[in-house]
PDB file of N, CA and C in Angstrom:
ATOM      1  N   MET A   1      27.969 -18.454  -6.373  1.00  0.00           N
ATOM      2  CA  MET A   1      26.572 -18.703  -6.601  1.00  0.00           C
ATOM      3  C   MET A   1      25.728 -18.230  -5.411  1.00  0.00           C
ATOM      4  N   ALA A   2      26.285 -18.414  -4.222  1.00  0.00           N
ATOM      5  CA  ALA A   2      25.560 -17.983  -3.027  1.00  0.00           C
ATOM      6  C   ALA A   2      25.396 -16.465  -3.009  1.00  0.00           C
ATOM      7  N   LEU A   3      26.394 -15.746  -3.501  1.00  0.00           N
ATOM      8  CA  LEU A   3      26.306 -14.290  -3.546  1.00  0.00           C
ATOM      9  C   LEU A   3      25.217 -13.835  -4.505  1.00  0.00           C
ATOM     10  N   VAL A   4      25.103 -14.497  -5.635  1.00  0.00           N
ATOM     11  CA  VAL A   4      24.052 -14.160  -6.597  1.00  0.00           C
ATOM     12  C   VAL A   4      22.683 -14.434  -5.974  1.00  0.00           C
ATOM     13  N   PHE A   5      22.547 -15.545  -5.266  1.00  0.00           N
ATOM     14  CA  PHE A   5      21.303 -15.861  -4.582  1.00  0.00           C
ATOM     15  C   PHE A   5      20.964 -14.790  -3.549  1.00  0.00           C
ATOM     16  N   LEU A   6      21.955 -14.374  -2.766  1.00  0.00           N
ATOM     17  CA  LEU A   6      21.747 -13.342  -1.755  1.00  0.00           C
ATOM     18  C   LEU A   6      21.330 -12.020  -2.395  1.00  0.00           C
ATOM     19  N   MET A   7      21.976 -11.673  -3.511  1.00  0.00           N
ATOM     20  CA  MET A   7      21.599 -10.442  -4.208  1.00  0.00           C
ATOM     21  C   MET A   7      20.168 -10.526  -4.714  1.00  0.00           C
ATOM     22  N   GLY A   8      19.760 -11.687  -5.206  1.00  0.00           N
ATOM     23  CA  GLY A   8      18.390 -11.867  -5.672  1.00  0.00           C
ATOM     24  C   GLY A   8      17.379 -11.743  -4.553  1.00  0.00           C
ATOM     25  N   ILE A   9      17.743 -12.196  -3.379  1.00  0.00           N
ATOM     26  CA  ILE A   9      16.848 -12.086  -2.218  1.00  0.00           C
ATOM     27  C   ILE A   9      16.747 -10.633  -1.759  1.00  0.00           C
ATOM     28  N   LEU A  10      17.855  -9.898  -1.793  1.00  0.00           N
ATOM     29  CA  LEU A  10      17.882  -8.533  -1.269  1.00  0.00           C
ATOM     30  C   LEU A  10      17.389  -7.483  -2.260  1.00  0.00           C
ATOM     31  N   LEU A  11      17.353  -7.800  -3.535  1.00  0.00           N
ATOM     32  CA  LEU A  11      16.958  -6.822  -4.548  1.00  0.00           C
ATOM     33  C   LEU A  11      15.562  -6.240  -4.337  1.00  0.00           C
ATOM     34  N   PRO A  12      14.544  -7.028  -3.969  1.00  0.00           N
ATOM     35  CA  PRO A  12      13.225  -6.425  -3.734  1.00  0.00           C
ATOM     36  C   PRO A  12      13.221  -5.372  -2.623  1.00  0.00           C
ATOM     37  N   TYR A  13      14.049  -5.559  -1.618  1.00  0.00           N
ATOM     38  CA  TYR A  13      14.118  -4.566  -0.537  1.00  0.00           C
ATOM     39  C   TYR A  13      14.700  -3.250  -1.051  1.00  0.00           C
ATOM     40  N   PHE A  14      15.712  -3.341  -1.896  1.00  0.00           N
ATOM     41  CA  PHE A  14      16.280  -2.134  -2.497  1.00  0.00           C
ATOM     42  C   PHE A  14      15.265  -1.458  -3.396  1.00  0.00           C
ATOM     43  N   ASN A  15      14.598  -2.226  -4.245  1.00  0.00           N
ATOM     44  CA  ASN A  15      13.620  -1.651  -5.160  1.00  0.00           C
ATOM     45  C   ASN A  15      12.449  -1.013  -4.425  1.00  0.00           C
ATOM     46  N   ALA A  16      11.978  -1.650  -3.376  1.00  0.00           N
ATOM     47  CA  ALA A  16      10.861  -1.084  -2.606  1.00  0.00           C
ATOM     48  C   ALA A  16      11.263   0.247  -1.981  1.00  0.00           C
ATOM     49  N   ASN A  17      12.447   0.300  -1.397  1.00  0.00           N
ATOM     50  CA  ASN A  17      12.910   1.555  -0.800  1.00  0.00           C
ATOM     51  C   ASN A  17      13.062   2.647  -1.846  1.00  0.00           C
ATOM     52  N   THR A  18      13.585   2.284  -3.006  1.00  0.00           N
ATOM     53  CA  THR A  18      13.766   3.262  -4.075  1.00  0.00           C
ATOM     54  C   THR A  18      12.426   3.829  -4.527  1.00  0.00           C
ATOM     55  N   MET A  19      11.443   2.964  -4.695  1.00  0.00           N
ATOM     56  CA  MET A  19      10.128   3.421  -5.144  1.00  0.00           C
ATOM     57  C   MET A  19       9.452   4.301  -4.096  1.00  0.00           C
ATOM     58  N   VAL A  20       9.604   3.956  -2.830  1.00  0.00           N
ATOM     59  CA  VAL A  20       9.019   4.778  -1.767  1.00  0.00           C
ATOM     60  C   VAL A  20       9.668   6.154  -1.748  1.00  0.00           C
ATOM     61  N   ILE A  21      10.980   6.205  -1.878  1.00  0.00           N
ATOM     62  CA  ILE A  21      11.675   7.495  -1.885  1.00  0.00           C
ATOM     63  C   ILE A  21      11.215   8.333  -3.078  1.00  0.00           C
ATOM     64  N   LEU A  22      11.093   7.702  -4.243  1.00  0.00           N
ATOM     65  CA  LEU A  22      10.625   8.441  -5.418  1.00  0.00           C
ATOM     66  C   LEU A  22       9.197   8.944  -5.216  1.00  0.00           C
ATOM     67  N   GLN A  23       8.329   8.129  -4.656  1.00  0.00           N
ATOM     68  CA  GLN A  23       6.947   8.553  -4.426  1.00  0.00           C
ATOM     69  C   GLN A  23       6.864   9.710  -3.447  1.00  0.00           C
ATOM     70  N   GLU A  24       7.739   9.710  -2.460  1.00  0.00           N
ATOM     71  CA  GLU A  24       7.728  10.784  -1.471  1.00  0.00           C
ATOM     72  C   GLU A  24       8.355  12.063  -2.004  1.00  0.00           C
ATOM     73  N   ARG A  25       9.341  11.962  -2.874  1.00  0.00           N
ATOM     74  CA  ARG A  25      10.124  13.123  -3.308  1.00  0.00           C
ATOM     75  C   ARG A  25       9.634  13.771  -4.592  1.00  0.00           C
ATOM     76  N   VAL A  26       8.957  13.018  -5.441  1.00  0.00           N
ATOM     77  CA  VAL A  26       8.548  13.545  -6.745  1.00  0.00           C
ATOM     78  C   VAL A  26       7.105  14.040  -6.646  1.00  0.00           C
ATOM     79  N   GLU A  27       6.872  15.221  -7.198  1.00  0.00           N
ATOM     80  CA  GLU A  27       5.516  15.757  -7.203  1.00  0.00           C
ATOM     81  C   GLU A  27       4.585  14.804  -7.940  1.00  0.00           C
ATOM     82  N   GLU A  28       3.354  14.743  -7.483  1.00  0.00           N
ATOM     83  CA  GLU A  28       2.395  13.800  -8.033  1.00  0.00           C
ATOM     84  C   GLU A  28       2.192  13.984  -9.540  1.00  0.00           C
ATOM     85  N   ALA A  29       2.228  15.214 -10.000  1.00  0.00           N
ATOM     86  CA  ALA A  29       2.022  15.486 -11.425  1.00  0.00           C
ATOM     87  C   ALA A  29       3.150  14.919 -12.292  1.00  0.00           C
ATOM     88  N   TYR A  30       4.329  14.696 -11.726  1.00  0.00           N
ATOM     89  CA  TYR A  30       5.486  14.215 -12.480  1.00  0.00           C
ATOM     90  C   TYR A  30       5.817  12.748 -12.222  1.00  0.00           C
ATOM     91  N   GLN A  31       5.090  12.094 -11.335  1.00  0.00           N
ATOM     92  CA  GLN A  31       5.448  10.727 -10.965  1.00  0.00           C
ATOM     93  C   GLN A  31       5.384   9.762 -12.146  1.00  0.00           C
ATOM     94  N   GLY A  32       4.396   9.898 -12.995  1.00  0.00           N
ATOM     95  CA  GLY A  32       4.301   9.010 -14.159  1.00  0.00           C
ATOM     96  C   GLY A  32       5.510   9.132 -15.054  1.00  0.00           C
ATOM     97  N   ARG A  33       5.950  10.353 -15.285  1.00  0.00           N
ATOM     98  CA  ARG A  33       7.125  10.576 -16.134  1.00  0.00           C
ATOM     99  C   ARG A  33       8.388  10.018 -15.489  1.00  0.00           C
ATOM    100  N   VAL A  34       8.533  10.253 -14.199  1.00  0.00           N
ATOM    101  CA  VAL A  34       9.730   9.786 -13.495  1.00  0.00           C
ATOM    102  C   VAL A  34       9.770   8.264 -13.462  1.00  0.00           C
ATOM    103  N   PHE A  35       8.647   7.630 -13.134  1.00  0.00           N
ATOM    104  CA  PHE A  35       8.628   6.169 -13.091  1.00  0.00           C
ATOM    105  C   PHE A  35       8.816   5.565 -14.476  1.00  0.00           C
ATOM    106  N   SER A  36       8.306   6.222 -15.498  1.00  0.00           N
ATOM    107  CA  SER A  36       8.545   5.750 -16.868  1.00  0.00           C
ATOM    108  C   SER A  36      10.026   5.833 -17.207  1.00  0.00           C
ATOM    109  N   PHE A  37      10.665   6.923 -16.826  1.00  0.00           N
ATOM    110  CA  PHE A  37      12.094   7.084 -17.085  1.00  0.00           C
ATOM    111  C   PHE A  37      12.917   6.030 -16.345  1.00  0.00           C
ATOM    112  N   VAL A  38      12.562   5.778 -15.092  1.00  0.00           N
ATOM    113  CA  VAL A  38      13.264   4.753 -14.315  1.00  0.00           C
ATOM    114  C   VAL A  38      13.096   3.391 -14.988  1.00  0.00           C
ATOM    115  N   SER A  39      11.899   3.096 -15.462  1.00  0.00           N
ATOM    116  CA  SER A  39      11.661   1.820 -16.144  1.00  0.00           C
ATOM    117  C   SER A  39      12.467   1.715 -17.434  1.00  0.00           C
ATOM    118  N   ILE A  40      12.558   2.805 -18.184  1.00  0.00           N
ATOM    119  CA  ILE A  40      13.335   2.800 -19.421  1.00  0.00           C
ATOM    120  C   ILE A  40      14.815   2.553 -19.119  1.00  0.00           C
ATOM    121  N   VAL A  41      15.340   3.237 -18.125  1.00  0.00           N
ATOM    122  CA  VAL A  41      16.762   3.092 -17.787  1.00  0.00           C
ATOM    123  C   VAL A  41      17.059   1.680 -17.305  1.00  0.00           C
ATOM    124  N   THR A  42      16.239   1.151 -16.403  1.00  0.00           N
ATOM    125  CA  THR A  42      16.507  -0.191 -15.888  1.00  0.00           C
ATOM    126  C   THR A  42      16.254  -1.255 -16.949  1.00  0.00           C
ATOM    127  N   GLY A  43      15.275  -1.044 -17.806  1.00  0.00           N
ATOM    128  CA  GLY A  43      14.994  -2.007 -18.863  1.00  0.00           C
ATOM    129  C   GLY A  43      16.048  -2.035 -19.949  1.00  0.00           C
ATOM    130  N   SER A  44      16.707  -0.916 -20.158  1.00  0.00           N
ATOM    131  CA  SER A  44      17.736  -0.867 -21.201  1.00  0.00           C
ATOM    132  C   SER A  44      19.108  -1.312 -20.697  1.00  0.00           C
ATOM    133  N   ALA A  45      19.247  -1.533 -19.418  1.00  0.00           N
ATOM    134  CA  ALA A  45      20.549  -1.930 -18.868  1.00  0.00           C
ATOM    135  C   ALA A  45      20.987  -3.293 -19.398  1.00  0.00           C
ATOM    136  N   MET A  46      20.099  -4.251 -19.473  1.00  0.00           N
ATOM    137  CA  MET A  46      20.474  -5.588 -19.939  1.00  0.00           C
ATOM    138  C   MET A  46      20.905  -5.586 -21.402  1.00  0.00           C
ATOM    139  N   PRO A  47      20.118  -5.028 -22.326  1.00  0.00           N
ATOM    140  CA  PRO A  47      20.583  -5.025 -23.715  1.00  0.00           C
ATOM    141  C   PRO A  47      21.872  -4.226 -23.918  1.00  0.00           C
ATOM    142  N   LEU A  48      22.023  -3.120 -23.214  1.00  0.00           N
ATOM    143  CA  LEU A  48      23.260  -2.349 -23.340  1.00  0.00           C
ATOM    144  C   LEU A  48      24.452  -3.121 -22.790  1.00  0.00           C
ATOM    145  N   GLY A  49      24.236  -3.842 -21.699  1.00  0.00           N
ATOM    146  CA  GLY A  49      25.303  -4.672 -21.149  1.00  0.00           C
ATOM    147  C   GLY A  49      25.716  -5.768 -22.115  1.00  0.00           C
ATOM    148  N   MET A  50      24.732  -6.394 -22.756  1.00  0.00           N
ATOM    149  CA  MET A  50      25.060  -7.435 -23.741  1.00  0.00           C
ATOM    150  C   MET A  50      25.758  -6.836 -24.952  1.00  0.00           C
ATOM    151  N   LEU A  51      25.339  -5.641 -25.347  1.00  0.00           N
ATOM    152  CA  LEU A  51      25.961  -4.978 -26.495  1.00  0.00           C
ATOM    153  C   LEU A  51      27.432  -4.668 -26.224  1.00  0.00           C
ATOM    154  N   PHE A  52      27.740  -4.269 -24.993  1.00  0.00           N
ATOM    155  CA  PHE A  52      29.122  -3.938 -24.637  1.00  0.00           C
ATOM    156  C   PHE A  52      29.943  -5.172 -24.285  1.00  0.00           C
ATOM    157  N   PHE A  53      29.406  -6.011 -23.395  1.00  0.00           N
ATOM    158  CA  PHE A  53      30.201  -7.109 -22.856  1.00  0.00           C
ATOM    159  C   PHE A  53      30.259  -8.326 -23.775  1.00  0.00           C
ATOM    160  N   GLY A  54      29.356  -8.441 -24.737  1.00  0.00           N
ATOM    161  CA  GLY A  54      29.451  -9.531 -25.700  1.00  0.00           C
ATOM    162  C   GLY A  54      30.742  -9.458 -26.499  1.00  0.00           C
ATOM    163  N   PRO A  55      30.969  -8.348 -27.204  1.00  0.00           N
ATOM    164  CA  PRO A  55      32.242  -8.223 -27.925  1.00  0.00           C
ATOM    165  C   PRO A  55      33.455  -8.162 -26.983  1.00  0.00           C
ATOM    166  N   ALA A  56      33.275  -7.569 -25.809  1.00  0.00           N
ATOM    167  CA  ALA A  56      34.402  -7.498 -24.869  1.00  0.00           C
ATOM    168  C   ALA A  56      34.821  -8.889 -24.419  1.00  0.00           C
ATOM    169  N   ALA A  57      33.856  -9.806 -24.291  1.00  0.00           N
ATOM    170  CA  ALA A  57      34.183 -11.173 -23.879  1.00  0.00           C
ATOM    171  C   ALA A  57      34.972 -11.902 -24.961  1.00  0.00           C
ATOM    172  N   ASP A  58      34.787 -11.502 -26.211  1.00  0.00           N
ATOM    173  CA  ASP A  58      35.582 -12.108 -27.282  1.00  0.00           C
ATOM    174  C   ASP A  58      37.011 -11.569 -27.301  1.00  0.00           C
ATOM    175  N   ALA A  59      37.186 -10.320 -26.860  1.00  0.00           N
ATOM    176  CA  ALA A  59      38.506  -9.684 -26.909  1.00  0.00           C
ATOM    177  C   ALA A  59      39.323  -9.924 -25.640  1.00  0.00           C
ATOM    178  N   VAL A  60      38.661 -10.062 -24.496  1.00  0.00           N
ATOM    179  CA  VAL A  60      39.339 -10.203 -23.199  1.00  0.00           C
ATOM    180  C   VAL A  60      38.771 -11.447 -22.526  1.00  0.00           C
ATOM    181  N   SER A  61      39.540 -12.060 -21.672  1.00  0.00           N
ATOM    182  CA  SER A  61      39.042 -13.256 -20.978  1.00  0.00           C
ATOM    183  C   SER A  61      37.913 -12.892 -20.012  1.00  0.00           C
ATOM    184  N   ILE A  62      37.037 -13.845 -19.807  1.00  0.00           N
ATOM    185  CA  ILE A  62      35.899 -13.650 -18.913  1.00  0.00           C
ATOM    186  C   ILE A  62      36.377 -13.325 -17.499  1.00  0.00           C
ATOM    187  N   GLU A  63      37.465 -13.921 -17.079  1.00  0.00           N
ATOM    188  CA  GLU A  63      37.973 -13.675 -15.728  1.00  0.00           C
ATOM    189  C   GLU A  63      38.301 -12.200 -15.524  1.00  0.00           C
ATOM    190  N   TRP A  64      38.944 -11.596 -16.533  1.00  0.00           N
ATOM    191  CA  TRP A  64      39.290 -10.177 -16.409  1.00  0.00           C
ATOM    192  C   TRP A  64      38.047  -9.300 -16.448  1.00  0.00           C
ATOM    193  N   LEU A  65      37.049  -9.677 -17.234  1.00  0.00           N
ATOM    194  CA  LEU A  65      35.790  -8.920 -17.243  1.00  0.00           C
ATOM    195  C   LEU A  65      35.109  -8.990 -15.889  1.00  0.00           C
ATOM    196  N   MET A  66      35.121 -10.173 -15.282  1.00  0.00           N
ATOM    197  CA  MET A  66      34.501 -10.322 -13.961  1.00  0.00           C
ATOM    198  C   MET A  66      35.254  -9.508 -12.912  1.00  0.00           C
ATOM    199  N   ILE A  67      36.564  -9.511 -12.975  1.00  0.00           N
ATOM    200  CA  ILE A  67      37.360  -8.715 -12.038  1.00  0.00           C
ATOM    201  C   ILE A  67      37.078  -7.233 -12.242  1.00  0.00           C
ATOM    202  N   PHE A  68      37.041  -6.789 -13.490  1.00  0.00           N
ATOM    203  CA  PHE A  68      36.782  -5.379 -13.790  1.00  0.00           C
ATOM    204  C   PHE A  68      35.395  -4.957 -13.322  1.00  0.00           C
ATOM    205  N   THR A  69      34.374  -5.739 -13.684  1.00  0.00           N
ATOM    206  CA  THR A  69      33.014  -5.345 -13.306  1.00  0.00           C
ATOM    207  C   THR A  69      32.786  -5.470 -11.803  1.00  0.00           C
ATOM    208  N   GLY A  70      33.392  -6.465 -11.179  1.00  0.00           N
ATOM    209  CA  GLY A  70      33.277  -6.590  -9.724  1.00  0.00           C
ATOM    210  C   GLY A  70      33.917  -5.418  -9.002  1.00  0.00           C
ATOM    211  N   THR A  71      35.099  -5.019  -9.474  1.00  0.00           N
ATOM    212  CA  THR A  71      35.773  -3.857  -8.885  1.00  0.00           C
ATOM    213  C   THR A  71      34.951  -2.586  -9.098  1.00  0.00           C
ATOM    214  N   ALA A  72      34.400  -2.436 -10.298  1.00  0.00           N
ATOM    215  CA  ALA A  72      33.565  -1.258 -10.575  1.00  0.00           C
ATOM    216  C   ALA A  72      32.336  -1.251  -9.679  1.00  0.00           C
ATOM    217  N   LEU A  73      31.737  -2.412  -9.439  1.00  0.00           N
ATOM    218  CA  LEU A  73      30.565  -2.501  -8.568  1.00  0.00           C
ATOM    219  C   LEU A  73      30.918  -2.149  -7.129  1.00  0.00           C
ATOM    220  N   ILE A  74      32.036  -2.643  -6.657  1.00  0.00           N
ATOM    221  CA  ILE A  74      32.470  -2.324  -5.293  1.00  0.00           C
ATOM    222  C   ILE A  74      32.748  -0.831  -5.145  1.00  0.00           C
ATOM    223  N   LEU A  75      33.448  -0.240  -6.116  1.00  0.00           N
ATOM    224  CA  LEU A  75      33.733   1.200  -6.054  1.00  0.00           C
ATOM    225  C   LEU A  75      32.457   2.033  -6.120  1.00  0.00           C
ATOM    226  N   THR A  76      31.493   1.586  -6.921  1.00  0.00           N
ATOM    227  CA  THR A  76      30.207   2.287  -6.995  1.00  0.00           C
ATOM    228  C   THR A  76      29.482   2.213  -5.657  1.00  0.00           C
ATOM    229  N   GLY A  77      29.513   1.043  -5.034  1.00  0.00           N
ATOM    230  CA  GLY A  77      28.884   0.895  -3.720  1.00  0.00           C
ATOM    231  C   GLY A  77      29.538   1.766  -2.661  1.00  0.00           C
ATOM    232  N   ILE A  78      30.861   1.842  -2.691  1.00  0.00           N
ATOM    233  CA  ILE A  78      31.573   2.698  -1.730  1.00  0.00           C
ATOM    234  C   ILE A  78      31.230   4.161  -1.975  1.00  0.00           C
ATOM    235  N   ALA A  79      31.214   4.577  -3.241  1.00  0.00           N
ATOM    236  CA  ALA A  79      30.854   5.969  -3.559  1.00  0.00           C
ATOM    237  C   ALA A  79      29.432   6.274  -3.121  1.00  0.00           C
ATOM    238  N   ALA A  80      28.510   5.325  -3.319  1.00  0.00           N
ATOM    239  CA  ALA A  80      27.127   5.537  -2.900  1.00  0.00           C
ATOM    240  C   ALA A  80      27.027   5.627  -1.379  1.00  0.00           C
ATOM    241  N   TYR A  81      27.809   4.802  -0.688  1.00  0.00           N
ATOM    242  CA  TYR A  81      27.782   4.825   0.776  1.00  0.00           C
ATOM    243  C   TYR A  81      28.222   6.182   1.320  1.00  0.00           C
ATOM    244  N   PHE A  82      29.213   6.781   0.699  1.00  0.00           N
ATOM    245  CA  PHE A  82      29.723   8.055   1.176  1.00  0.00           C
ATOM    246  C   PHE A  82      29.014   9.257   0.549  1.00  0.00           C
ATOM    247  N   SER A  83      28.049   9.023  -0.311  1.00  0.00           N
ATOM    248  CA  SER A  83      27.308  10.106  -0.940  1.00  0.00           C
ATOM    249  C   SER A  83      26.318  10.712   0.056  1.00  0.00           C
ATOM    250  N   LYS A  84      26.471  11.978   0.302  1.00  0.00           N
ATOM    251  CA  LYS A  84      25.605  12.647   1.266  1.00  0.00           C
ATOM    252  C   LYS A  84      24.156  12.633   0.800  1.00  0.00           C
ATOM    253  N   GLY A  85      23.944  12.806  -0.498  1.00  0.00           N
ATOM    254  CA  GLY A  85      22.589  12.809  -1.037  1.00  0.00           C
ATOM    255  C   GLY A  85      21.869  11.493  -0.833  1.00  0.00           C
ATOM    256  N   ILE A  86      22.575  10.397  -1.002  1.00  0.00           N
ATOM    257  CA  ILE A  86      21.959   9.085  -0.818  1.00  0.00           C
ATOM    258  C   ILE A  86      21.734   8.798   0.658  1.00  0.00           C
ATOM    259  N   ARG A  87      22.702   9.137   1.485  1.00  0.00           N
ATOM    260  CA  ARG A  87      22.539   8.883   2.923  1.00  0.00           C
ATOM    261  C   ARG A  87      21.397   9.677   3.512  1.00  0.00           C
ATOM    262  N   LEU A  88      21.168  10.876   3.015  1.00  0.00           N
ATOM    263  CA  LEU A  88      20.122  11.731   3.572  1.00  0.00           C
ATOM    264  C   LEU A  88      18.805  11.617   2.818  1.00  0.00           C
ATOM    265  N   SER A  89      18.684  10.683   1.891  1.00  0.00           N
ATOM    266  CA  SER A  89      17.472  10.590   1.084  1.00  0.00           C
ATOM    267  C   SER A  89      16.255  10.179   1.911  1.00  0.00           C
ATOM    268  N   HIS A  90      16.467   9.579   3.055  1.00  0.00           N
ATOM    269  CA  HIS A  90      15.332   9.188   3.891  1.00  0.00           C
ATOM    270  C   HIS A  90      14.859  10.317   4.810  1.00  0.00           C
ATOM    271  N   GLU A  91      15.613  11.399   4.874  1.00  0.00           N
ATOM    272  CA  GLU A  91      15.235  12.519   5.725  1.00  0.00           C
ATOM    273  C   GLU A  91      13.983  13.196   5.168  1.00  0.00           C
ATOM    274  N   PRO A  92      13.112  13.709   6.033  1.00  0.00           N
ATOM    275  CA  PRO A  92      11.930  14.417   5.550  1.00  0.00           C
ATOM    276  C   PRO A  92      12.313  15.686   4.775  1.00  0.00           C
ATOM    277  N   LEU A  93      11.504  16.017   3.790  1.00  0.00           N
ATOM    278  CA  LEU A  93      11.758  17.236   3.019  1.00  0.00           C
ATOM    279  C   LEU A  93      11.426  18.454   3.855  1.00  0.00           C
ATOM    280  N   LYS A  94      12.217  19.494   3.675  1.00  0.00           N
ATOM    281  CA  LYS A  94      11.950  20.750   4.367  1.00  0.00           C
ATOM    282  C   LYS A  94      11.112  21.631   3.439  1.00  0.00           C
ATOM    283  N   ASP A  95      10.028  22.135   3.951  1.00  0.00           N
ATOM    284  CA  ASP A  95       9.154  22.974   3.123  1.00  0.00           C
ATOM    285  C   ASP A  95       9.698  24.321   2.890  1.00  0.00           C
TER     286      ASP A  95
END
């Protein structure tokens, strides 16, 4: 429960950084489209997760789903950490 609380506290910092990077990197004429797309993707994550994990919870125990999704989250975080594109996203653009 403490981990979920910590994630809830830290999420605004991640979102703020993401929005700043998008504002700096995307041309002004395309920002509305890009932000709309980001909103669609993030907004559809919850219903898609329920669509997939609802039936999966009936077929597999919740413990195994938590282990699987936790492992997938950790591997995604490690891949993001070692991603050169993500690490260098704060660097100024070269004209």
